[in-house]
Amino acid sequence: MTKFRVSGVWKNNDNVITHYAFHTLGESFTSRASKKTKEEAIRLLETPSNSATTWIWSYGQSNWNIGENVEVVNRSTRKYLRSSPNDRTTDNLGHLIDYDWISQ
């Protein structure tokens, strides 16, 4: 069983998420971000017993906070990742840090 944190996203010119920043959790560490394509991220989370939560930077506290569970949604035409459902601000991970400025 592998646990992950998702801290950010990369988007294309149409503002669609194309990549995710995944961190692997160990017993006493959290890895640096690893850039995963949407397909790679879906494969990781469709693997039985793997799980992920969002990881939200708190500017007020100057640290990371564990957010919501991340799940794979399978619609008839496509699969995508989603945090909390029901049209909340945090739907579909679009609220995470936009890492486009780091690298394409």
N, C-alpha and C. Protein backbone atom coordinates (compact mmCIF):
# COMPACT_ATOMS: atom_id res chain seq x y z
N MET A 1 0.83 -1.17 0.00
CA MET A 1 0.00 0.00 0.00
C MET A 1 0.88 1.24 0.00
N THR A 2 0.63 2.13 -0.94
CA THR A 2 1.38 3.37 -1.01
C THR A 2 0.43 4.54 -0.82
N LYS A 3 0.86 5.48 0.01
CA LYS A 3 0.08 6.69 0.23
C LYS A 3 0.80 7.86 -0.43
N PHE A 4 0.00 8.72 -1.03
CA PHE A 4 0.53 9.88 -1.73
C PHE A 4 -0.13 11.16 -1.24
N ARG A 5 0.57 12.27 -1.46
CA ARG A 5 0.02 13.61 -1.31
C ARG A 5 0.10 14.28 -2.68
N VAL A 6 -0.90 15.05 -3.02
CA VAL A 6 -0.92 15.80 -4.27
C VAL A 6 -0.91 17.28 -3.90
N SER A 7 0.19 17.97 -4.27
CA SER A 7 0.35 19.35 -3.82
C SER A 7 0.11 20.40 -4.90
N GLY A 8 0.10 20.00 -6.16
CA GLY A 8 -0.05 21.00 -7.20
C GLY A 8 -0.36 20.38 -8.54
N VAL A 9 -0.55 21.27 -9.53
CA VAL A 9 -0.93 20.83 -10.87
C VAL A 9 -0.19 21.66 -11.92
N TRP A 10 -0.17 21.13 -13.13
CA TRP A 10 0.27 21.85 -14.31
C TRP A 10 -0.93 21.86 -15.26
N LYS A 11 -1.15 22.99 -15.93
CA LYS A 11 -2.29 23.11 -16.84
C LYS A 11 -1.82 23.49 -18.24
N ASN A 12 -2.64 23.13 -19.23
CA ASN A 12 -2.32 23.53 -20.60
C ASN A 12 -2.89 24.92 -20.89
N ASN A 13 -2.77 25.37 -22.12
CA ASN A 13 -3.24 26.72 -22.49
C ASN A 13 -4.75 26.88 -22.37
N ASP A 14 -5.48 25.77 -22.32
CA ASP A 14 -6.94 25.82 -22.16
C ASP A 14 -7.35 25.72 -20.70
N ASN A 15 -6.37 25.82 -19.79
CA ASN A 15 -6.61 25.76 -18.34
C ASN A 15 -7.09 24.37 -17.87
N VAL A 16 -6.71 23.33 -18.61
CA VAL A 16 -7.05 21.95 -18.27
C VAL A 16 -5.83 21.31 -17.61
N ILE A 17 -6.04 20.63 -16.49
CA ILE A 17 -4.95 19.97 -15.78
C ILE A 17 -4.38 18.85 -16.64
N THR A 18 -3.05 18.87 -16.80
CA THR A 18 -2.37 17.83 -17.58
C THR A 18 -1.44 16.97 -16.72
N HIS A 19 -0.93 17.54 -15.61
CA HIS A 19 0.01 16.85 -14.74
C HIS A 19 -0.28 17.19 -13.28
N TYR A 20 0.18 16.30 -12.40
CA TYR A 20 -0.01 16.47 -10.96
C TYR A 20 1.33 16.33 -10.25
N ALA A 21 1.50 17.04 -9.14
CA ALA A 21 2.69 16.91 -8.30
C ALA A 21 2.38 15.88 -7.21
N PHE A 22 2.96 14.69 -7.33
CA PHE A 22 2.74 13.59 -6.39
C PHE A 22 3.93 13.48 -5.44
N HIS A 23 3.64 13.30 -4.16
CA HIS A 23 4.65 13.05 -3.14
C HIS A 23 4.34 11.69 -2.53
N THR A 24 5.36 10.85 -2.37
CA THR A 24 5.19 9.54 -1.75
C THR A 24 5.44 9.67 -0.25
N LEU A 25 4.57 9.04 0.54
CA LEU A 25 4.74 9.06 1.99
C LEU A 25 5.50 7.82 2.43
N GLY A 26 6.49 8.03 3.27
CA GLY A 26 7.21 6.93 3.90
C GLY A 26 6.91 6.96 5.39
N GLU A 27 7.53 6.07 6.13
CA GLU A 27 7.30 6.04 7.58
C GLU A 27 7.75 7.31 8.26
N SER A 28 8.85 7.90 7.79
CA SER A 28 9.37 9.10 8.45
C SER A 28 9.73 10.20 7.46
N PHE A 29 9.16 10.15 6.26
CA PHE A 29 9.50 11.17 5.27
C PHE A 29 8.35 11.33 4.27
N THR A 30 8.39 12.44 3.58
CA THR A 30 7.54 12.68 2.42
C THR A 30 8.48 13.09 1.29
N SER A 31 8.37 12.43 0.15
CA SER A 31 9.29 12.69 -0.95
C SER A 31 9.07 14.07 -1.58
N ARG A 32 10.06 14.49 -2.34
CA ARG A 32 9.88 15.69 -3.15
C ARG A 32 8.82 15.38 -4.21
N ALA A 33 8.30 16.42 -4.81
CA ALA A 33 7.27 16.24 -5.82
C ALA A 33 7.80 15.51 -7.04
N SER A 34 6.98 14.65 -7.57
CA SER A 34 7.27 13.95 -8.81
C SER A 34 6.14 14.30 -9.78
N LYS A 35 6.49 14.83 -10.94
CA LYS A 35 5.49 15.26 -11.92
C LYS A 35 4.93 14.05 -12.63
N LYS A 36 3.62 13.85 -12.48
CA LYS A 36 2.94 12.70 -13.10
C LYS A 36 1.92 13.20 -14.11
N THR A 37 1.86 12.53 -15.26
CA THR A 37 0.81 12.86 -16.21
C THR A 37 -0.54 12.46 -15.62
N LYS A 38 -1.59 12.95 -16.21
CA LYS A 38 -2.93 12.57 -15.75
C LYS A 38 -3.10 11.05 -15.82
N GLU A 39 -2.61 10.44 -16.89
CA GLU A 39 -2.74 9.00 -17.06
C GLU A 39 -1.96 8.24 -15.98
N GLU A 40 -0.73 8.70 -15.70
CA GLU A 40 0.08 8.06 -14.65
C GLU A 40 -0.60 8.20 -13.28
N ALA A 41 -1.13 9.36 -13.00
CA ALA A 41 -1.80 9.60 -11.71
C ALA A 41 -3.02 8.70 -11.56
N ILE A 42 -3.78 8.57 -12.62
CA ILE A 42 -4.97 7.69 -12.58
C ILE A 42 -4.55 6.25 -12.35
N ARG A 43 -3.51 5.80 -13.05
CA ARG A 43 -3.02 4.42 -12.86
C ARG A 43 -2.58 4.18 -11.42
N LEU A 44 -1.85 5.15 -10.84
CA LEU A 44 -1.41 5.01 -9.45
C LEU A 44 -2.59 4.85 -8.50
N LEU A 45 -3.62 5.66 -8.69
CA LEU A 45 -4.74 5.63 -7.76
C LEU A 45 -5.76 4.54 -8.06
N GLU A 46 -5.67 3.94 -9.23
CA GLU A 46 -6.52 2.78 -9.52
C GLU A 46 -5.89 1.49 -9.02
N THR A 47 -4.63 1.55 -8.63
CA THR A 47 -3.97 0.37 -8.06
C THR A 47 -4.57 0.10 -6.68
N PRO A 48 -5.04 -1.12 -6.46
CA PRO A 48 -5.67 -1.43 -5.17
C PRO A 48 -4.74 -1.08 -4.00
N SER A 49 -5.31 -0.51 -3.00
CA SER A 49 -4.69 -0.11 -1.73
C SER A 49 -3.81 1.14 -1.82
N ASN A 50 -3.63 1.74 -3.00
CA ASN A 50 -2.98 3.04 -3.08
C ASN A 50 -4.02 4.11 -2.75
N SER A 51 -3.56 5.20 -2.15
CA SER A 51 -4.48 6.29 -1.83
C SER A 51 -3.73 7.62 -1.86
N ALA A 52 -4.50 8.70 -1.97
CA ALA A 52 -3.89 10.03 -2.00
C ALA A 52 -4.82 11.03 -1.32
N THR A 53 -4.19 12.06 -0.78
CA THR A 53 -4.92 13.21 -0.27
C THR A 53 -4.27 14.46 -0.84
N THR A 54 -5.01 15.54 -0.85
CA THR A 54 -4.41 16.79 -1.26
C THR A 54 -3.50 17.28 -0.14
N TRP A 55 -2.56 18.11 -0.51
CA TRP A 55 -1.59 18.68 0.44
C TRP A 55 -1.60 20.17 0.18
N ILE A 56 -2.11 20.91 1.12
CA ILE A 56 -2.37 22.33 0.94
C ILE A 56 -1.37 23.17 1.72
N TRP A 57 -0.73 24.12 1.03
CA TRP A 57 0.20 25.02 1.70
C TRP A 57 -0.59 26.09 2.44
N SER A 58 -0.28 26.26 3.73
CA SER A 58 -0.90 27.30 4.55
C SER A 58 0.10 28.44 4.71
N TYR A 59 -0.19 29.55 4.08
CA TYR A 59 0.70 30.70 4.19
C TYR A 59 0.71 31.25 5.61
N GLY A 60 -0.43 31.22 6.29
CA GLY A 60 -0.52 31.72 7.66
C GLY A 60 0.29 30.90 8.65
N GLN A 61 0.32 29.58 8.45
CA GLN A 61 1.05 28.68 9.35
C GLN A 61 2.44 28.36 8.84
N SER A 62 2.71 28.67 7.59
CA SER A 62 3.99 28.33 6.93
C SER A 62 4.30 26.84 7.00
N ASN A 63 3.29 26.04 6.68
CA ASN A 63 3.49 24.60 6.59
C ASN A 63 2.39 23.96 5.73
N TRP A 64 2.55 22.68 5.47
CA TRP A 64 1.60 21.92 4.66
C TRP A 64 0.52 21.30 5.55
N ASN A 65 -0.70 21.32 5.08
CA ASN A 65 -1.82 20.68 5.77
C ASN A 65 -2.42 19.60 4.88
N ILE A 66 -2.77 18.49 5.49
CA ILE A 66 -3.42 17.41 4.75
C ILE A 66 -4.84 17.85 4.43
N GLY A 67 -5.21 17.68 3.17
CA GLY A 67 -6.53 18.10 2.72
C GLY A 67 -7.49 16.94 2.59
N GLU A 68 -8.10 16.84 1.43
CA GLU A 68 -9.16 15.88 1.18
C GLU A 68 -8.65 14.66 0.42
N ASN A 69 -9.41 13.58 0.49
CA ASN A 69 -9.09 12.38 -0.28
C ASN A 69 -9.22 12.68 -1.77
N VAL A 70 -8.36 12.03 -2.54
CA VAL A 70 -8.39 12.16 -4.00
C VAL A 70 -8.88 10.84 -4.57
N GLU A 71 -9.79 10.91 -5.51
CA GLU A 71 -10.34 9.69 -6.10
C GLU A 71 -10.36 9.80 -7.62
N VAL A 72 -10.42 8.65 -8.27
CA VAL A 72 -10.55 8.60 -9.71
C VAL A 72 -12.04 8.53 -10.04
N VAL A 73 -12.46 9.39 -10.93
CA VAL A 73 -13.84 9.39 -11.40
C VAL A 73 -13.83 8.86 -12.83
N ASN A 74 -14.72 7.92 -13.11
CA ASN A 74 -14.79 7.32 -14.43
C ASN A 74 -16.11 7.70 -15.08
N ARG A 75 -16.05 8.67 -15.96
CA ARG A 75 -17.22 9.06 -16.74
C ARG A 75 -17.19 8.28 -18.05
N SER A 76 -18.27 8.26 -18.75
CA SER A 76 -18.35 7.44 -19.96
C SER A 76 -17.31 7.82 -21.01
N THR A 77 -16.91 9.09 -21.04
CA THR A 77 -15.96 9.51 -22.07
C THR A 77 -14.54 9.70 -21.56
N ARG A 78 -14.35 9.77 -20.23
CA ARG A 78 -13.00 10.02 -19.73
C ARG A 78 -12.90 9.73 -18.23
N LYS A 79 -11.65 9.63 -17.77
CA LYS A 79 -11.36 9.49 -16.35
C LYS A 79 -10.62 10.74 -15.90
N TYR A 80 -10.82 11.12 -14.65
CA TYR A 80 -10.10 12.26 -14.10
C TYR A 80 -10.02 12.12 -12.59
N LEU A 81 -9.18 12.96 -11.96
CA LEU A 81 -9.04 12.95 -10.51
C LEU A 81 -9.94 14.02 -9.92
N ARG A 82 -10.46 13.73 -8.74
CA ARG A 82 -11.34 14.66 -8.06
C ARG A 82 -11.03 14.60 -6.57
N SER A 83 -11.10 15.75 -5.93
CA SER A 83 -11.02 15.76 -4.46
C SER A 83 -12.45 15.69 -3.95
N SER A 84 -12.98 16.71 -3.36
CA SER A 84 -14.34 16.61 -2.84
C SER A 84 -15.36 16.90 -3.92
N PRO A 85 -16.44 16.13 -3.94
CA PRO A 85 -17.47 16.35 -4.95
C PRO A 85 -18.43 17.49 -4.57
N ASN A 86 -19.45 17.64 -5.34
CA ASN A 86 -20.58 18.54 -5.06
C ASN A 86 -20.24 20.02 -5.26
N ASP A 87 -19.47 20.32 -6.28
CA ASP A 87 -19.22 21.70 -6.68
C ASP A 87 -18.59 22.58 -5.62
N ARG A 88 -17.82 22.02 -4.73
CA ARG A 88 -17.09 22.82 -3.77
C ARG A 88 -15.90 23.46 -4.45
N THR A 89 -15.30 24.45 -3.82
CA THR A 89 -14.16 25.16 -4.38
C THR A 89 -13.02 24.20 -4.71
N THR A 90 -12.89 23.13 -3.95
CA THR A 90 -11.76 22.23 -4.10
C THR A 90 -12.02 21.09 -5.09
N ASP A 91 -13.13 21.11 -5.79
CA ASP A 91 -13.41 20.06 -6.78
C ASP A 91 -12.28 19.94 -7.80
N ASN A 92 -11.96 18.72 -8.15
CA ASN A 92 -11.10 18.40 -9.29
C ASN A 92 -9.68 18.93 -9.20
N LEU A 93 -9.24 19.29 -8.01
CA LEU A 93 -7.87 19.68 -7.71
C LEU A 93 -7.42 20.99 -8.35
N GLY A 94 -8.32 21.73 -8.93
CA GLY A 94 -7.98 23.01 -9.54
C GLY A 94 -7.55 24.06 -8.54
N HIS A 95 -7.81 23.84 -7.27
CA HIS A 95 -7.44 24.80 -6.22
C HIS A 95 -5.98 24.65 -5.77
N LEU A 96 -5.32 23.59 -6.20
CA LEU A 96 -3.94 23.35 -5.77
C LEU A 96 -2.98 24.34 -6.44
N ILE A 97 -1.76 24.41 -5.91
CA ILE A 97 -0.75 25.31 -6.45
C ILE A 97 -0.55 25.03 -7.93
N ASP A 98 -0.49 26.08 -8.72
CA ASP A 98 -0.23 25.97 -10.15
C ASP A 98 1.28 26.00 -10.36
N TYR A 99 1.85 24.85 -10.69
CA TYR A 99 3.30 24.72 -10.84
C TYR A 99 3.80 25.04 -12.25
N ASP A 100 2.97 25.60 -13.10
CA ASP A 100 3.39 25.90 -14.48
C ASP A 100 4.65 26.74 -14.52
N TRP A 101 4.87 27.59 -13.55
CA TRP A 101 6.03 28.47 -13.54
C TRP A 101 7.33 27.71 -13.28
N ILE A 102 7.23 26.47 -12.76
CA ILE A 102 8.43 25.70 -12.45
C ILE A 102 9.02 25.06 -13.70
N SER A 103 8.19 24.32 -14.43
CA SER A 103 8.67 23.69 -15.66
C SER A 103 7.48 23.17 -16.45
N GLN A 104 7.67 23.06 -17.72
CA GLN A 104 6.61 22.56 -18.60
C GLN A 104 6.86 21.12 -18.95
